[in-house]
Amino acid sequence: MTTPTEKLTIFAKTIITVNYKTHNLFDVFLDEWEFKICTNQNKVEELYLFDNDSNIIITHKFTQDLQTKYFNYFKHIGII
């Protein structure tokens, strides 16, 4: 059975692959990422991609529709 953390990792890696596969730090991004979740507004606002020194290299902003959709998904898989 897949854990909530494993599901979140697959989700993040899919977004990263679709949007940043040709970026020179692609392989780093696959391991160095974090979502900005706003629990009081029920949305996932952004995905931060970091370099090896923990510097934010890319802030991937989600559309309003996706923010709510992703929040509901995170809640469904047990992250929130």
N, C-alpha and C. Protein backbone atom coordinates (compact mmCIF):
# COMPACT_ATOMS: atom_id res chain seq x y z
N MET A 1 0.84 -1.18 0.00
CA MET A 1 0.00 0.00 0.00
C MET A 1 0.89 1.26 0.00
N THR A 2 0.51 2.23 -0.80
CA THR A 2 1.26 3.46 -0.91
C THR A 2 0.90 4.41 0.23
N THR A 3 1.92 4.97 0.89
CA THR A 3 1.68 5.89 2.01
C THR A 3 1.31 7.27 1.48
N PRO A 4 0.73 8.12 2.33
CA PRO A 4 0.44 9.49 1.91
C PRO A 4 1.69 10.25 1.44
N THR A 5 2.80 10.05 2.11
CA THR A 5 4.04 10.72 1.72
C THR A 5 4.51 10.24 0.35
N GLU A 6 4.40 8.96 0.08
CA GLU A 6 4.77 8.43 -1.23
C GLU A 6 3.86 8.98 -2.32
N LYS A 7 2.57 9.10 -2.03
CA LYS A 7 1.63 9.68 -3.00
C LYS A 7 1.97 11.14 -3.28
N LEU A 8 2.32 11.88 -2.23
CA LEU A 8 2.69 13.28 -2.39
C LEU A 8 3.96 13.41 -3.22
N THR A 9 4.92 12.53 -2.99
CA THR A 9 6.17 12.54 -3.75
C THR A 9 5.91 12.27 -5.23
N ILE A 10 5.08 11.30 -5.53
CA ILE A 10 4.73 10.99 -6.92
C ILE A 10 4.05 12.20 -7.55
N PHE A 11 3.15 12.82 -6.82
CA PHE A 11 2.43 14.00 -7.30
C PHE A 11 3.41 15.13 -7.63
N ALA A 12 4.31 15.42 -6.70
CA ALA A 12 5.29 16.49 -6.90
C ALA A 12 6.20 16.18 -8.09
N LYS A 13 6.71 14.96 -8.15
CA LYS A 13 7.62 14.59 -9.24
C LYS A 13 6.93 14.66 -10.60
N THR A 14 5.63 14.39 -10.64
CA THR A 14 4.89 14.50 -11.89
C THR A 14 4.83 15.96 -12.34
N ILE A 15 4.49 16.86 -11.42
CA ILE A 15 4.44 18.29 -11.76
C ILE A 15 5.82 18.79 -12.21
N ILE A 16 6.85 18.39 -11.50
CA ILE A 16 8.21 18.81 -11.83
C ILE A 16 8.62 18.29 -13.20
N THR A 17 8.32 17.04 -13.48
CA THR A 17 8.68 16.45 -14.77
C THR A 17 7.95 17.12 -15.92
N VAL A 18 6.67 17.36 -15.76
CA VAL A 18 5.89 17.98 -16.83
C VAL A 18 6.38 19.40 -17.13
N ASN A 19 6.76 20.13 -16.09
CA ASN A 19 7.08 21.55 -16.27
C ASN A 19 8.56 21.89 -16.36
N TYR A 20 9.44 21.04 -15.83
CA TYR A 20 10.85 21.45 -15.71
C TYR A 20 11.85 20.38 -16.16
N LYS A 21 11.41 19.45 -16.98
CA LYS A 21 12.27 18.35 -17.41
C LYS A 21 13.56 18.82 -18.10
N THR A 22 13.51 19.94 -18.79
CA THR A 22 14.68 20.42 -19.52
C THR A 22 15.54 21.38 -18.70
N HIS A 23 15.12 21.69 -17.48
CA HIS A 23 15.91 22.58 -16.63
C HIS A 23 17.20 21.88 -16.20
N ASN A 24 18.29 22.63 -16.11
CA ASN A 24 19.58 22.01 -15.76
C ASN A 24 19.61 21.45 -14.34
N LEU A 25 18.69 21.88 -13.47
CA LEU A 25 18.63 21.34 -12.11
C LEU A 25 17.48 20.34 -11.92
N PHE A 26 16.98 19.82 -13.01
CA PHE A 26 15.85 18.90 -12.96
C PHE A 26 16.06 17.77 -11.96
N ASP A 27 17.20 17.10 -12.01
CA ASP A 27 17.45 15.97 -11.11
C ASP A 27 17.46 16.41 -9.64
N VAL A 28 17.94 17.59 -9.37
CA VAL A 28 17.93 18.13 -8.00
C VAL A 28 16.50 18.43 -7.58
N PHE A 29 15.73 19.05 -8.47
CA PHE A 29 14.35 19.40 -8.16
C PHE A 29 13.52 18.18 -7.76
N LEU A 30 13.82 17.03 -8.34
CA LEU A 30 13.05 15.82 -8.02
C LEU A 30 13.16 15.44 -6.55
N ASP A 31 14.22 15.89 -5.89
CA ASP A 31 14.43 15.57 -4.48
C ASP A 31 14.28 16.77 -3.55
N GLU A 32 14.33 17.97 -4.11
CA GLU A 32 14.35 19.18 -3.29
C GLU A 32 13.15 20.06 -3.62
N TRP A 33 12.03 19.79 -3.00
CA TRP A 33 10.80 20.54 -3.27
C TRP A 33 9.97 20.65 -2.01
N GLU A 34 9.03 21.60 -2.04
CA GLU A 34 8.14 21.81 -0.91
C GLU A 34 6.90 22.56 -1.38
N PHE A 35 5.74 22.16 -0.88
CA PHE A 35 4.50 22.84 -1.21
C PHE A 35 4.19 23.89 -0.16
N LYS A 36 3.62 25.01 -0.59
CA LYS A 36 3.10 26.03 0.33
C LYS A 36 1.60 25.77 0.44
N ILE A 37 1.19 25.33 1.62
CA ILE A 37 -0.21 24.98 1.87
C ILE A 37 -0.80 26.00 2.84
N CYS A 38 -1.92 26.55 2.46
CA CYS A 38 -2.63 27.51 3.30
C CYS A 38 -3.88 26.82 3.84
N THR A 39 -3.79 26.29 5.06
CA THR A 39 -4.89 25.49 5.61
C THR A 39 -6.10 26.35 5.99
N ASN A 40 -5.89 27.61 6.35
CA ASN A 40 -7.04 28.44 6.72
C ASN A 40 -7.84 28.90 5.50
N GLN A 41 -7.24 28.80 4.30
CA GLN A 41 -7.95 29.14 3.07
C GLN A 41 -8.21 27.92 2.18
N ASN A 42 -7.82 26.74 2.67
CA ASN A 42 -8.04 25.48 1.95
C ASN A 42 -7.48 25.49 0.53
N LYS A 43 -6.18 25.81 0.44
CA LYS A 43 -5.56 25.79 -0.89
C LYS A 43 -4.07 25.48 -0.80
N VAL A 44 -3.57 24.93 -1.88
CA VAL A 44 -2.15 24.69 -2.07
C VAL A 44 -1.69 25.78 -3.04
N GLU A 45 -0.96 26.76 -2.54
CA GLU A 45 -0.67 27.95 -3.33
C GLU A 45 0.47 27.76 -4.33
N GLU A 46 1.57 27.14 -3.87
CA GLU A 46 2.78 27.10 -4.69
C GLU A 46 3.58 25.83 -4.44
N LEU A 47 4.47 25.57 -5.37
CA LEU A 47 5.47 24.51 -5.22
C LEU A 47 6.83 25.17 -5.35
N TYR A 48 7.65 25.04 -4.32
CA TYR A 48 9.00 25.60 -4.34
C TYR A 48 9.98 24.53 -4.77
N LEU A 49 10.89 24.90 -5.66
CA LEU A 49 11.95 23.99 -6.10
C LEU A 49 13.29 24.59 -5.67
N PHE A 50 14.08 23.77 -5.00
CA PHE A 50 15.33 24.21 -4.39
C PHE A 50 16.55 23.65 -5.11
N ASP A 51 17.69 24.32 -4.93
CA ASP A 51 18.96 23.77 -5.38
C ASP A 51 19.56 22.96 -4.22
N ASN A 52 20.76 22.47 -4.40
CA ASN A 52 21.41 21.64 -3.36
C ASN A 52 21.76 22.42 -2.10
N ASP A 53 21.74 23.75 -2.17
CA ASP A 53 22.06 24.59 -1.01
C ASP A 53 20.81 25.13 -0.33
N SER A 54 19.67 24.57 -0.65
CA SER A 54 18.37 24.96 -0.08
C SER A 54 17.92 26.36 -0.46
N ASN A 55 18.39 26.86 -1.60
CA ASN A 55 17.92 28.13 -2.13
C ASN A 55 16.72 27.87 -3.04
N ILE A 56 15.68 28.68 -2.90
CA ILE A 56 14.53 28.54 -3.80
C ILE A 56 14.96 29.03 -5.18
N ILE A 57 14.87 28.15 -6.15
CA ILE A 57 15.24 28.47 -7.53
C ILE A 57 14.00 28.82 -8.34
N ILE A 58 12.92 28.09 -8.11
CA ILE A 58 11.67 28.32 -8.85
C ILE A 58 10.50 28.29 -7.87
N THR A 59 9.60 29.24 -8.03
CA THR A 59 8.32 29.22 -7.33
C THR A 59 7.26 28.96 -8.38
N HIS A 60 6.70 27.76 -8.33
CA HIS A 60 5.68 27.36 -9.29
C HIS A 60 4.32 27.69 -8.68
N LYS A 61 3.63 28.68 -9.21
CA LYS A 61 2.33 29.10 -8.69
C LYS A 61 1.22 28.34 -9.40
N PHE A 62 0.22 27.93 -8.63
CA PHE A 62 -0.92 27.22 -9.18
C PHE A 62 -2.08 28.18 -9.41
N THR A 63 -2.89 27.89 -10.43
CA THR A 63 -4.08 28.68 -10.68
C THR A 63 -5.05 28.50 -9.52
N GLN A 64 -5.98 29.41 -9.39
CA GLN A 64 -6.96 29.36 -8.30
C GLN A 64 -7.71 28.03 -8.29
N ASP A 65 -8.11 27.56 -9.46
CA ASP A 65 -8.84 26.28 -9.54
C ASP A 65 -7.99 25.12 -9.03
N LEU A 66 -6.73 25.10 -9.43
CA LEU A 66 -5.84 24.02 -9.00
C LEU A 66 -5.50 24.10 -7.52
N GLN A 67 -5.43 25.30 -6.98
CA GLN A 67 -5.11 25.45 -5.55
C GLN A 67 -6.11 24.69 -4.69
N THR A 68 -7.38 24.85 -4.99
CA THR A 68 -8.43 24.16 -4.23
C THR A 68 -8.45 22.66 -4.55
N LYS A 69 -8.30 22.34 -5.82
CA LYS A 69 -8.30 20.94 -6.24
C LYS A 69 -7.15 20.17 -5.57
N TYR A 70 -5.95 20.76 -5.54
CA TYR A 70 -4.80 20.10 -4.93
C TYR A 70 -4.96 20.00 -3.41
N PHE A 71 -5.55 21.02 -2.78
CA PHE A 71 -5.79 20.96 -1.35
C PHE A 71 -6.71 19.77 -1.04
N ASN A 72 -7.77 19.65 -1.81
CA ASN A 72 -8.70 18.53 -1.59
C ASN A 72 -8.02 17.19 -1.81
N TYR A 73 -7.13 17.11 -2.79
CA TYR A 73 -6.38 15.87 -3.02
C TYR A 73 -5.46 15.57 -1.83
N PHE A 74 -4.75 16.58 -1.35
CA PHE A 74 -3.86 16.38 -0.19
C PHE A 74 -4.65 15.92 1.03
N LYS A 75 -5.82 16.48 1.20
CA LYS A 75 -6.69 16.08 2.30
C LYS A 75 -7.15 14.63 2.12
N HIS A 76 -7.53 14.29 0.89
CA HIS A 76 -7.99 12.94 0.58
C HIS A 76 -6.92 11.87 0.83
N ILE A 77 -5.68 12.18 0.52
CA ILE A 77 -4.61 11.18 0.71
C ILE A 77 -4.03 11.21 2.13
N GLY A 78 -4.49 12.14 2.95
CA GLY A 78 -4.07 12.14 4.36
C GLY A 78 -2.86 13.00 4.67
N ILE A 79 -2.49 13.93 3.79
CA ILE A 79 -1.38 14.83 4.07
C ILE A 79 -1.84 15.95 5.01
N ILE A 80 -3.07 16.38 4.83
CA ILE A 80 -3.61 17.48 5.65
C ILE A 80 -4.60 16.89 6.62
